[in-house]
Amino acid sequence: LELKRMSVSKDCRGQGIAKALCGEVLRFARARGFGAVVLSTSAVQVAAQRLYESQGFRKVGAYSPSLLSRLLCFQIFIYRCDLPGRA
């Protein structure tokens, strides 16, 4: 399952909403028999990286989406959370 474009309004950050949403996605995926959840985030989104890592995701790859991004050393990180004990 791919988690794509999760975002919480700046006015609502710091209230645990993103953590709750992420947890719900993991429960949803597990309940439906998915083996893993994958997502991508940019290298500059450090708070997002910390959130995903705290939820059990691990970085499994990185890439630069364009020549310009490669020249600017901008990367997209790929994360994966395996779901052992699927329901």
C-alpha atoms as a PDB file:
ATOM      1  CA  LEU A   1       0.000   0.000   0.000  1.00  0.00           C
ATOM      2  CA  GLU A   2       1.326   3.473  -0.790  1.00  0.00           C
ATOM      3  CA  LEU A   3       0.756   6.391   1.565  1.00  0.00           C
ATOM      4  CA  LYS A   4       0.746   9.407  -0.707  1.00  0.00           C
ATOM      5  CA  ARG A   5       0.676  13.128   0.058  1.00  0.00           C
ATOM      6  CA  MET A   6      -0.285  13.084   3.721  1.00  0.00           C
ATOM      7  CA  SER A   7      -0.352  16.638   5.015  1.00  0.00           C
ATOM      8  CA  VAL A   8      -1.590  18.462   8.091  1.00  0.00           C
ATOM      9  CA  SER A   9      -2.305  22.198   8.019  1.00  0.00           C
ATOM     10  CA  LYS A  10       0.450  24.267   9.619  1.00  0.00           C
ATOM     11  CA  ASP A  11      -2.118  25.659  12.075  1.00  0.00           C
ATOM     12  CA  CYS A  12      -2.921  22.145  13.302  1.00  0.00           C
ATOM     13  CA  ARG A  13       0.574  20.668  13.578  1.00  0.00           C
ATOM     14  CA  GLY A  14       1.955  19.526  16.913  1.00  0.00           C
ATOM     15  CA  GLN A  15      -1.363  18.040  18.033  1.00  0.00           C
ATOM     16  CA  GLY A  16      -0.675  14.420  17.106  1.00  0.00           C
ATOM     17  CA  ILE A  17      -2.906  14.477  14.017  1.00  0.00           C
ATOM     18  CA  ALA A  18      -0.227  13.217  11.617  1.00  0.00           C
ATOM     19  CA  LYS A  19       0.733  10.456  14.054  1.00  0.00           C
ATOM     20  CA  ALA A  20      -2.922   9.398  14.349  1.00  0.00           C
ATOM     21  CA  LEU A  21      -3.387   9.459  10.560  1.00  0.00           C
ATOM     22  CA  CYS A  22      -0.248   7.423  10.008  1.00  0.00           C
ATOM     23  CA  GLY A  23      -1.332   4.897  12.633  1.00  0.00           C
ATOM     24  CA  GLU A  24      -4.728   4.577  10.972  1.00  0.00           C
ATOM     25  CA  VAL A  25      -3.120   3.924   7.588  1.00  0.00           C
ATOM     26  CA  LEU A  26      -0.995   1.164   9.128  1.00  0.00           C
ATOM     27  CA  ARG A  27      -4.061  -0.407  10.809  1.00  0.00           C
ATOM     28  CA  PHE A  28      -6.037  -0.154   7.554  1.00  0.00           C
ATOM     29  CA  ALA A  29      -3.250  -1.821   5.553  1.00  0.00           C
ATOM     30  CA  ARG A  30      -2.703  -4.561   8.137  1.00  0.00           C
ATOM     31  CA  ALA A  31      -6.425  -5.352   8.379  1.00  0.00           C
ATOM     32  CA  ARG A  32      -6.643  -5.745   4.606  1.00  0.00           C
ATOM     33  CA  GLY A  33      -3.675  -8.074   4.355  1.00  0.00           C
ATOM     34  CA  PHE A  34      -1.067  -5.743   2.897  1.00  0.00           C
ATOM     35  CA  GLY A  35       2.507  -6.751   3.630  1.00  0.00           C
ATOM     36  CA  ALA A  36       3.940  -3.242   3.789  1.00  0.00           C
ATOM     37  CA  VAL A  37       3.245   0.459   3.464  1.00  0.00           C
ATOM     38  CA  VAL A  38       5.600   2.583   1.378  1.00  0.00           C
ATOM     39  CA  LEU A  39       5.908   6.350   1.003  1.00  0.00           C
ATOM     40  CA  SER A  40       8.275   9.030  -0.174  1.00  0.00           C
ATOM     41  CA  THR A  41       9.262  12.349   1.347  1.00  0.00           C
ATOM     42  CA  SER A  42      11.866  14.948   0.519  1.00  0.00           C
ATOM     43  CA  ALA A  43      15.180  15.292   2.283  1.00  0.00           C
ATOM     44  CA  VAL A  44      14.166  18.702   3.603  1.00  0.00           C
ATOM     45  CA  GLN A  45      11.065  17.387   5.399  1.00  0.00           C
ATOM     46  CA  VAL A  46      12.931  16.401   8.548  1.00  0.00           C
ATOM     47  CA  ALA A  47       9.844  16.462  10.804  1.00  0.00           C
ATOM     48  CA  ALA A  48       8.067  14.070   8.432  1.00  0.00           C
ATOM     49  CA  GLN A  49      11.078  11.747   8.431  1.00  0.00           C
ATOM     50  CA  ARG A  50      11.074  11.696  12.246  1.00  0.00           C
ATOM     51  CA  LEU A  51       7.338  10.961  12.302  1.00  0.00           C
ATOM     52  CA  TYR A  52       7.615   8.064   9.858  1.00  0.00           C
ATOM     53  CA  GLU A  53      10.623   6.587  11.619  1.00  0.00           C
ATOM     54  CA  SER A  54       8.790   6.796  14.960  1.00  0.00           C
ATOM     55  CA  GLN A  55       5.935   4.807  13.378  1.00  0.00           C
ATOM     56  CA  GLY A  56       8.228   1.972  12.292  1.00  0.00           C
ATOM     57  CA  PHE A  57       9.148   3.076   8.777  1.00  0.00           C
ATOM     58  CA  ARG A  58      12.726   2.678   7.625  1.00  0.00           C
ATOM     59  CA  LYS A  59      14.519   4.439   4.796  1.00  0.00           C
ATOM     60  CA  VAL A  60      15.057   2.000   1.931  1.00  0.00           C
ATOM     61  CA  GLY A  61      16.188   4.266  -0.884  1.00  0.00           C
ATOM     62  CA  ALA A  62      16.772   7.749  -2.224  1.00  0.00           C
ATOM     63  CA  TYR A  63      16.775   9.424  -5.603  1.00  0.00           C
ATOM     64  CA  SER A  64      16.994  12.823  -7.262  1.00  0.00           C
ATOM     65  CA  PRO A  65      13.874  13.427  -9.391  1.00  0.00           C
ATOM     66  CA  SER A  66      15.596  15.570 -12.033  1.00  0.00           C
ATOM     67  CA  LEU A  67      18.945  16.759 -13.279  1.00  0.00           C
ATOM     68  CA  LEU A  68      18.437  20.104 -11.539  1.00  0.00           C
ATOM     69  CA  SER A  69      17.630  18.395  -8.253  1.00  0.00           C
ATOM     70  CA  ARG A  70      20.756  16.270  -8.656  1.00  0.00           C
ATOM     71  CA  LEU A  71      22.844  19.410  -9.193  1.00  0.00           C
ATOM     72  CA  LEU A  72      21.260  20.983  -6.093  1.00  0.00           C
ATOM     73  CA  CYS A  73      21.778  17.778  -4.071  1.00  0.00           C
ATOM     74  CA  PHE A  74      18.003  17.521  -3.484  1.00  0.00           C
ATOM     75  CA  GLN A  75      16.766  14.005  -2.800  1.00  0.00           C
ATOM     76  CA  ILE A  76      13.533  12.136  -2.309  1.00  0.00           C
ATOM     77  CA  PHE A  77      13.702   9.413   0.350  1.00  0.00           C
ATOM     78  CA  ILE A  78      11.720   6.195   0.057  1.00  0.00           C
ATOM     79  CA  TYR A  79      10.402   4.681   3.292  1.00  0.00           C
ATOM     80  CA  ARG A  80       8.867   1.281   3.975  1.00  0.00           C
ATOM     81  CA  CYS A  81       7.052  -0.179   6.961  1.00  0.00           C
ATOM     82  CA  ASP A  82       6.705  -3.961   6.877  1.00  0.00           C
ATOM     83  CA  LEU A  83       3.544  -5.298   8.460  1.00  0.00           C
ATOM     84  CA  PRO A  84       4.341  -8.631  10.089  1.00  0.00           C
ATOM     85  CA  GLY A  85       1.428 -10.485  11.621  1.00  0.00           C
ATOM     86  CA  ARG A  86      -1.051  -9.376   9.004  1.00  0.00           C
ATOM     87  CA  ALA A  87      -4.678  -9.882   9.985  1.00  0.00           C
END
